[in-house]
Amino acid sequence: MSIVFIALGGGLGAVLRFLLTEFVNNNVSNLIPFGTLSVNVLGCFFIGCVAGFFASKSSPMYFFFIVGFLGSFTTMSAFSMQTIDLFNSNALSAITYVILTFSFTIIATYIGLTIFSK
């Protein structure tokens, strides 16, 4: 049943991410991608709120909001929550995770674009 909650939340999160990103990008300066920045900041704020409210990771609402909705709204929210969890147990692991994530994801994107751009 948790898969159903994840799917429903994921569909809603993806649609809302698209609509909010488009709205912000069409109404704010285009110096940086403010639409993406907006959904990342909002998603991180909401994952903190929802994770605090639904402490049980087996709750259907946890699957709907955190894994599904916020997971598709922005993966930055999951990344930030995992980083905080890591930092609370091992600061060096958290710092390593942040550095590796940003470095490898940007490098992987560049490699993918280089390989398939023509």
N, C-alpha and C. Protein backbone atom coordinates (compact mmCIF):
# COMPACT_ATOMS: atom_id res chain seq x y z
N MET A 1 0.82 -1.21 0.00
CA MET A 1 0.00 0.00 0.00
C MET A 1 0.86 1.27 0.00
N SER A 2 2.05 1.17 0.59
CA SER A 2 2.92 2.35 0.63
C SER A 2 3.29 2.80 -0.78
N ILE A 3 3.38 1.88 -1.74
CA ILE A 3 3.70 2.24 -3.13
C ILE A 3 2.62 3.15 -3.70
N VAL A 4 1.38 2.92 -3.35
CA VAL A 4 0.27 3.76 -3.84
C VAL A 4 0.42 5.18 -3.30
N PHE A 5 0.72 5.30 -2.02
CA PHE A 5 0.91 6.63 -1.43
C PHE A 5 2.09 7.35 -2.06
N ILE A 6 3.17 6.62 -2.31
CA ILE A 6 4.35 7.21 -2.95
C ILE A 6 4.01 7.68 -4.37
N ALA A 7 3.30 6.86 -5.12
CA ALA A 7 2.93 7.21 -6.50
C ALA A 7 2.02 8.43 -6.54
N LEU A 8 1.02 8.46 -5.69
CA LEU A 8 0.11 9.62 -5.67
C LEU A 8 0.84 10.90 -5.27
N GLY A 9 1.64 10.83 -4.22
CA GLY A 9 2.41 11.99 -3.80
C GLY A 9 3.41 12.42 -4.85
N GLY A 10 4.07 11.44 -5.47
CA GLY A 10 5.06 11.74 -6.50
C GLY A 10 4.46 12.44 -7.70
N GLY A 11 3.30 11.99 -8.13
CA GLY A 11 2.63 12.65 -9.26
C GLY A 11 2.27 14.09 -8.94
N LEU A 12 1.73 14.32 -7.77
CA LEU A 12 1.37 15.68 -7.37
C LEU A 12 2.60 16.57 -7.21
N GLY A 13 3.65 16.02 -6.62
CA GLY A 13 4.87 16.79 -6.42
C GLY A 13 5.52 17.20 -7.72
N ALA A 14 5.55 16.29 -8.69
CA ALA A 14 6.17 16.59 -9.98
C ALA A 14 5.39 17.68 -10.72
N VAL A 15 4.07 17.59 -10.69
CA VAL A 15 3.24 18.59 -11.36
C VAL A 15 3.40 19.95 -10.69
N LEU A 16 3.37 19.97 -9.37
CA LEU A 16 3.52 21.24 -8.66
C LEU A 16 4.90 21.84 -8.89
N ARG A 17 5.94 20.99 -8.92
CA ARG A 17 7.30 21.49 -9.21
C ARG A 17 7.32 22.19 -10.56
N PHE A 18 6.75 21.56 -11.58
CA PHE A 18 6.72 22.14 -12.92
C PHE A 18 5.97 23.47 -12.91
N LEU A 19 4.78 23.50 -12.33
CA LEU A 19 3.97 24.72 -12.34
C LEU A 19 4.65 25.85 -11.57
N LEU A 20 5.19 25.56 -10.41
CA LEU A 20 5.84 26.61 -9.62
C LEU A 20 7.12 27.11 -10.30
N THR A 21 7.90 26.19 -10.85
CA THR A 21 9.12 26.59 -11.55
C THR A 21 8.80 27.50 -12.73
N GLU A 22 7.82 27.11 -13.52
CA GLU A 22 7.42 27.92 -14.67
C GLU A 22 6.90 29.29 -14.23
N PHE A 23 6.07 29.32 -13.20
CA PHE A 23 5.53 30.58 -12.71
C PHE A 23 6.65 31.53 -12.27
N VAL A 24 7.56 31.01 -11.45
CA VAL A 24 8.65 31.86 -10.96
C VAL A 24 9.55 32.30 -12.10
N ASN A 25 9.91 31.38 -12.99
CA ASN A 25 10.80 31.73 -14.10
C ASN A 25 10.17 32.77 -15.03
N ASN A 26 8.86 32.75 -15.16
CA ASN A 26 8.18 33.72 -16.03
C ASN A 26 7.93 35.07 -15.36
N ASN A 27 8.13 35.15 -14.04
CA ASN A 27 7.79 36.38 -13.33
C ASN A 27 8.95 36.99 -12.55
N VAL A 28 10.13 36.39 -12.65
CA VAL A 28 11.29 36.88 -11.90
C VAL A 28 12.47 36.97 -12.87
N SER A 29 13.44 37.77 -12.52
CA SER A 29 14.65 37.91 -13.32
C SER A 29 15.25 36.55 -13.68
N ASN A 30 15.86 36.48 -14.83
CA ASN A 30 16.45 35.22 -15.27
C ASN A 30 17.97 35.18 -15.09
N LEU A 31 18.49 35.95 -14.13
CA LEU A 31 19.94 35.94 -13.88
C LEU A 31 20.41 34.57 -13.40
N ILE A 32 19.61 33.93 -12.58
CA ILE A 32 19.86 32.55 -12.15
C ILE A 32 18.52 31.83 -12.22
N PRO A 33 18.52 30.49 -12.18
CA PRO A 33 17.25 29.75 -12.25
C PRO A 33 16.47 29.84 -10.93
N PHE A 34 15.79 30.97 -10.75
CA PHE A 34 15.05 31.20 -9.51
C PHE A 34 13.92 30.19 -9.31
N GLY A 35 13.36 29.66 -10.38
CA GLY A 35 12.30 28.66 -10.24
C GLY A 35 12.81 27.42 -9.54
N THR A 36 13.95 26.93 -9.98
CA THR A 36 14.55 25.75 -9.35
C THR A 36 14.99 26.06 -7.93
N LEU A 37 15.58 27.22 -7.75
CA LEU A 37 15.98 27.63 -6.40
C LEU A 37 14.76 27.67 -5.48
N SER A 38 13.65 28.20 -5.97
CA SER A 38 12.43 28.29 -5.16
C SER A 38 11.92 26.93 -4.73
N VAL A 39 11.83 25.98 -5.68
CA VAL A 39 11.31 24.67 -5.29
C VAL A 39 12.29 23.95 -4.36
N ASN A 40 13.59 24.15 -4.55
CA ASN A 40 14.55 23.50 -3.66
C ASN A 40 14.44 24.04 -2.24
N VAL A 41 14.35 25.36 -2.10
CA VAL A 41 14.25 25.95 -0.76
C VAL A 41 12.92 25.57 -0.12
N LEU A 42 11.82 25.68 -0.86
CA LEU A 42 10.52 25.29 -0.30
C LEU A 42 10.48 23.81 0.06
N GLY A 43 11.01 22.97 -0.81
CA GLY A 43 11.03 21.54 -0.54
C GLY A 43 11.82 21.21 0.71
N CYS A 44 12.95 21.88 0.90
CA CYS A 44 13.76 21.65 2.10
C CYS A 44 13.05 22.13 3.36
N PHE A 45 12.38 23.25 3.27
CA PHE A 45 11.60 23.74 4.41
C PHE A 45 10.49 22.75 4.75
N PHE A 46 9.75 22.32 3.72
CA PHE A 46 8.63 21.41 3.96
C PHE A 46 9.07 20.04 4.45
N ILE A 47 10.21 19.54 3.97
CA ILE A 47 10.64 18.22 4.46
C ILE A 47 11.01 18.30 5.94
N GLY A 48 11.56 19.44 6.35
CA GLY A 48 11.84 19.62 7.77
C GLY A 48 10.56 19.64 8.59
N CYS A 49 9.57 20.36 8.11
CA CYS A 49 8.27 20.43 8.81
C CYS A 49 7.60 19.07 8.87
N VAL A 50 7.52 18.40 7.72
CA VAL A 50 6.80 17.13 7.64
C VAL A 50 7.53 16.04 8.39
N ALA A 51 8.87 16.00 8.29
CA ALA A 51 9.64 14.98 9.02
C ALA A 51 9.48 15.17 10.52
N GLY A 52 9.39 16.41 10.96
CA GLY A 52 9.17 16.66 12.37
C GLY A 52 7.77 16.26 12.81
N PHE A 53 6.81 16.42 11.95
CA PHE A 53 5.42 16.11 12.28
C PHE A 53 5.15 14.61 12.21
N PHE A 54 5.62 13.95 11.14
CA PHE A 54 5.43 12.51 10.97
C PHE A 54 6.72 11.80 11.34
N ALA A 55 6.96 11.67 12.63
CA ALA A 55 8.20 11.06 13.10
C ALA A 55 8.30 9.59 12.68
N SER A 56 7.17 8.93 12.53
CA SER A 56 7.18 7.51 12.17
C SER A 56 7.42 7.35 10.67
N LYS A 57 8.49 6.66 10.33
CA LYS A 57 8.82 6.45 8.92
C LYS A 57 7.97 5.34 8.30
N SER A 58 7.04 4.79 9.05
CA SER A 58 6.16 3.76 8.49
C SER A 58 4.74 4.30 8.28
N SER A 59 4.52 5.56 8.57
CA SER A 59 3.21 6.18 8.41
C SER A 59 2.87 6.35 6.93
N PRO A 60 1.62 6.08 6.53
CA PRO A 60 1.23 6.32 5.13
C PRO A 60 1.47 7.77 4.70
N MET A 61 1.29 8.71 5.62
CA MET A 61 1.50 10.11 5.28
C MET A 61 2.98 10.42 5.09
N TYR A 62 3.84 9.70 5.79
CA TYR A 62 5.28 9.83 5.57
C TYR A 62 5.62 9.43 4.13
N PHE A 63 5.08 8.30 3.69
CA PHE A 63 5.32 7.83 2.32
C PHE A 63 4.74 8.81 1.31
N PHE A 64 3.54 9.32 1.57
CA PHE A 64 2.90 10.25 0.64
C PHE A 64 3.67 11.56 0.54
N PHE A 65 3.93 12.20 1.69
CA PHE A 65 4.53 13.54 1.68
C PHE A 65 6.04 13.53 1.47
N ILE A 66 6.77 12.72 2.23
CA ILE A 66 8.22 12.80 2.18
C ILE A 66 8.79 12.03 1.00
N VAL A 67 8.44 10.75 0.88
CA VAL A 67 9.00 9.94 -0.19
C VAL A 67 8.39 10.32 -1.54
N GLY A 68 7.07 10.45 -1.59
CA GLY A 68 6.39 10.73 -2.85
C GLY A 68 6.39 12.19 -3.24
N PHE A 69 5.61 13.00 -2.52
CA PHE A 69 5.42 14.40 -2.89
C PHE A 69 6.72 15.19 -2.90
N LEU A 70 7.41 15.23 -1.76
CA LEU A 70 8.64 16.02 -1.69
C LEU A 70 9.78 15.36 -2.45
N GLY A 71 9.75 14.03 -2.56
CA GLY A 71 10.78 13.33 -3.34
C GLY A 71 10.74 13.70 -4.81
N SER A 72 9.54 13.97 -5.33
CA SER A 72 9.44 14.38 -6.73
C SER A 72 9.42 15.90 -6.87
N PHE A 73 9.01 16.60 -5.84
CA PHE A 73 9.01 18.06 -5.87
C PHE A 73 10.45 18.55 -5.96
N THR A 74 11.35 17.93 -5.19
CA THR A 74 12.77 18.24 -5.23
C THR A 74 13.56 17.16 -4.53
N THR A 75 14.58 16.64 -5.18
CA THR A 75 15.44 15.68 -4.48
C THR A 75 16.38 16.40 -3.53
N MET A 76 16.48 17.71 -3.66
CA MET A 76 17.31 18.48 -2.74
C MET A 76 16.79 18.34 -1.31
N SER A 77 15.47 18.19 -1.15
CA SER A 77 14.92 18.03 0.19
C SER A 77 15.39 16.72 0.81
N ALA A 78 15.40 15.64 0.04
CA ALA A 78 15.89 14.36 0.56
C ALA A 78 17.38 14.46 0.87
N PHE A 79 18.13 15.09 -0.02
CA PHE A 79 19.57 15.28 0.20
C PHE A 79 19.83 16.07 1.48
N SER A 80 19.09 17.14 1.71
CA SER A 80 19.32 17.96 2.90
C SER A 80 18.97 17.21 4.17
N MET A 81 17.88 16.43 4.14
CA MET A 81 17.49 15.65 5.32
C MET A 81 18.53 14.58 5.62
N GLN A 82 19.03 13.90 4.59
CA GLN A 82 20.05 12.88 4.79
C GLN A 82 21.34 13.50 5.33
N THR A 83 21.68 14.68 4.85
CA THR A 83 22.89 15.36 5.32
C THR A 83 22.77 15.72 6.79
N ILE A 84 21.60 16.21 7.19
CA ILE A 84 21.39 16.55 8.61
C ILE A 84 21.45 15.29 9.47
N ASP A 85 20.82 14.21 9.02
CA ASP A 85 20.89 12.94 9.76
C ASP A 85 22.34 12.48 9.91
N LEU A 86 23.09 12.54 8.81
CA LEU A 86 24.50 12.15 8.87
C LEU A 86 25.28 13.07 9.80
N PHE A 87 25.04 14.37 9.70
CA PHE A 87 25.77 15.33 10.51
C PHE A 87 25.54 15.08 12.00
N ASN A 88 24.32 14.69 12.35
CA ASN A 88 24.01 14.41 13.76
C ASN A 88 24.77 13.21 14.30
N SER A 89 25.17 12.30 13.43
CA SER A 89 25.90 11.12 13.89
C SER A 89 27.39 11.18 13.57
N ASN A 90 27.76 11.87 12.47
CA ASN A 90 29.16 11.90 12.06
C ASN A 90 29.37 13.08 11.11
N ALA A 91 29.90 14.17 11.63
CA ALA A 91 30.07 15.38 10.83
C ALA A 91 30.98 15.17 9.62
N LEU A 92 32.02 14.39 9.78
CA LEU A 92 32.93 14.14 8.66
C LEU A 92 32.21 13.40 7.52
N SER A 93 31.37 12.44 7.87
CA SER A 93 30.59 11.73 6.85
C SER A 93 29.64 12.69 6.14
N ALA A 94 29.04 13.60 6.87
CA ALA A 94 28.11 14.56 6.26
C ALA A 94 28.85 15.48 5.29
N ILE A 95 29.99 15.98 5.69
CA ILE A 95 30.77 16.86 4.82
C ILE A 95 31.23 16.11 3.58
N THR A 96 31.68 14.88 3.77
CA THR A 96 32.10 14.04 2.64
C THR A 96 30.94 13.81 1.68
N TYR A 97 29.77 13.51 2.23
CA TYR A 97 28.57 13.28 1.42
C TYR A 97 28.23 14.52 0.59
N VAL A 98 28.28 15.70 1.19
CA VAL A 98 27.98 16.94 0.47
C VAL A 98 28.98 17.16 -0.66
N ILE A 99 30.24 17.03 -0.36
CA ILE A 99 31.28 17.25 -1.38
C ILE A 99 31.14 16.25 -2.52
N LEU A 100 30.98 14.97 -2.17
CA LEU A 100 30.85 13.93 -3.20
C LEU A 100 29.59 14.14 -4.05
N THR A 101 28.49 14.48 -3.39
CA THR A 101 27.23 14.66 -4.12
C THR A 101 27.34 15.79 -5.13
N PHE A 102 27.79 16.96 -4.67
CA PHE A 102 27.88 18.09 -5.61
C PHE A 102 28.92 17.84 -6.70
N SER A 103 30.05 17.30 -6.32
CA SER A 103 31.10 17.06 -7.31
C SER A 103 30.67 16.02 -8.34
N PHE A 104 30.24 14.86 -7.87
CA PHE A 104 29.92 13.77 -8.80
C PHE A 104 28.68 14.05 -9.64
N THR A 105 27.68 14.73 -9.08
CA THR A 105 26.48 15.00 -9.88
C THR A 105 26.77 16.01 -10.98
N ILE A 106 27.56 17.01 -10.69
CA ILE A 106 27.91 17.99 -11.73
C ILE A 106 28.80 17.36 -12.79
N ILE A 107 29.77 16.57 -12.36
CA ILE A 107 30.65 15.88 -13.31
C ILE A 107 29.85 14.90 -14.17
N ALA A 108 28.95 14.14 -13.55
CA ALA A 108 28.14 13.17 -14.30
C ALA A 108 27.25 13.87 -15.32
N THR A 109 26.67 14.99 -14.94
CA THR A 109 25.85 15.76 -15.87
C THR A 109 26.68 16.24 -17.04
N TYR A 110 27.86 16.77 -16.76
CA TYR A 110 28.74 17.25 -17.82
C TYR A 110 29.13 16.11 -18.76
N ILE A 111 29.50 14.96 -18.20
CA ILE A 111 29.87 13.82 -19.03
C ILE A 111 28.70 13.37 -19.89
N GLY A 112 27.51 13.27 -19.29
CA GLY A 112 26.32 12.88 -20.05
C GLY A 112 26.02 13.84 -21.19
N LEU A 113 26.11 15.13 -20.90
CA LEU A 113 25.89 16.12 -21.95
C LEU A 113 26.95 16.03 -23.03
N THR A 114 28.20 15.83 -22.63
CA THR A 114 29.29 15.73 -23.60
C THR A 114 29.13 14.51 -24.51
N ILE A 115 28.75 13.41 -23.94
CA ILE A 115 28.60 12.17 -24.71
C ILE A 115 27.44 12.27 -25.71
N PHE A 116 26.32 12.83 -25.26
CA PHE A 116 25.11 12.80 -26.08
C PHE A 116 24.76 14.10 -26.78
N SER A 117 25.57 15.15 -26.63
CA SER A 117 25.29 16.42 -27.33
C SER A 117 25.95 16.42 -28.69
N LYS A 118 25.18 16.74 -29.68
CA LYS A 118 25.71 16.85 -31.04
C LYS A 118 24.92 17.90 -31.78
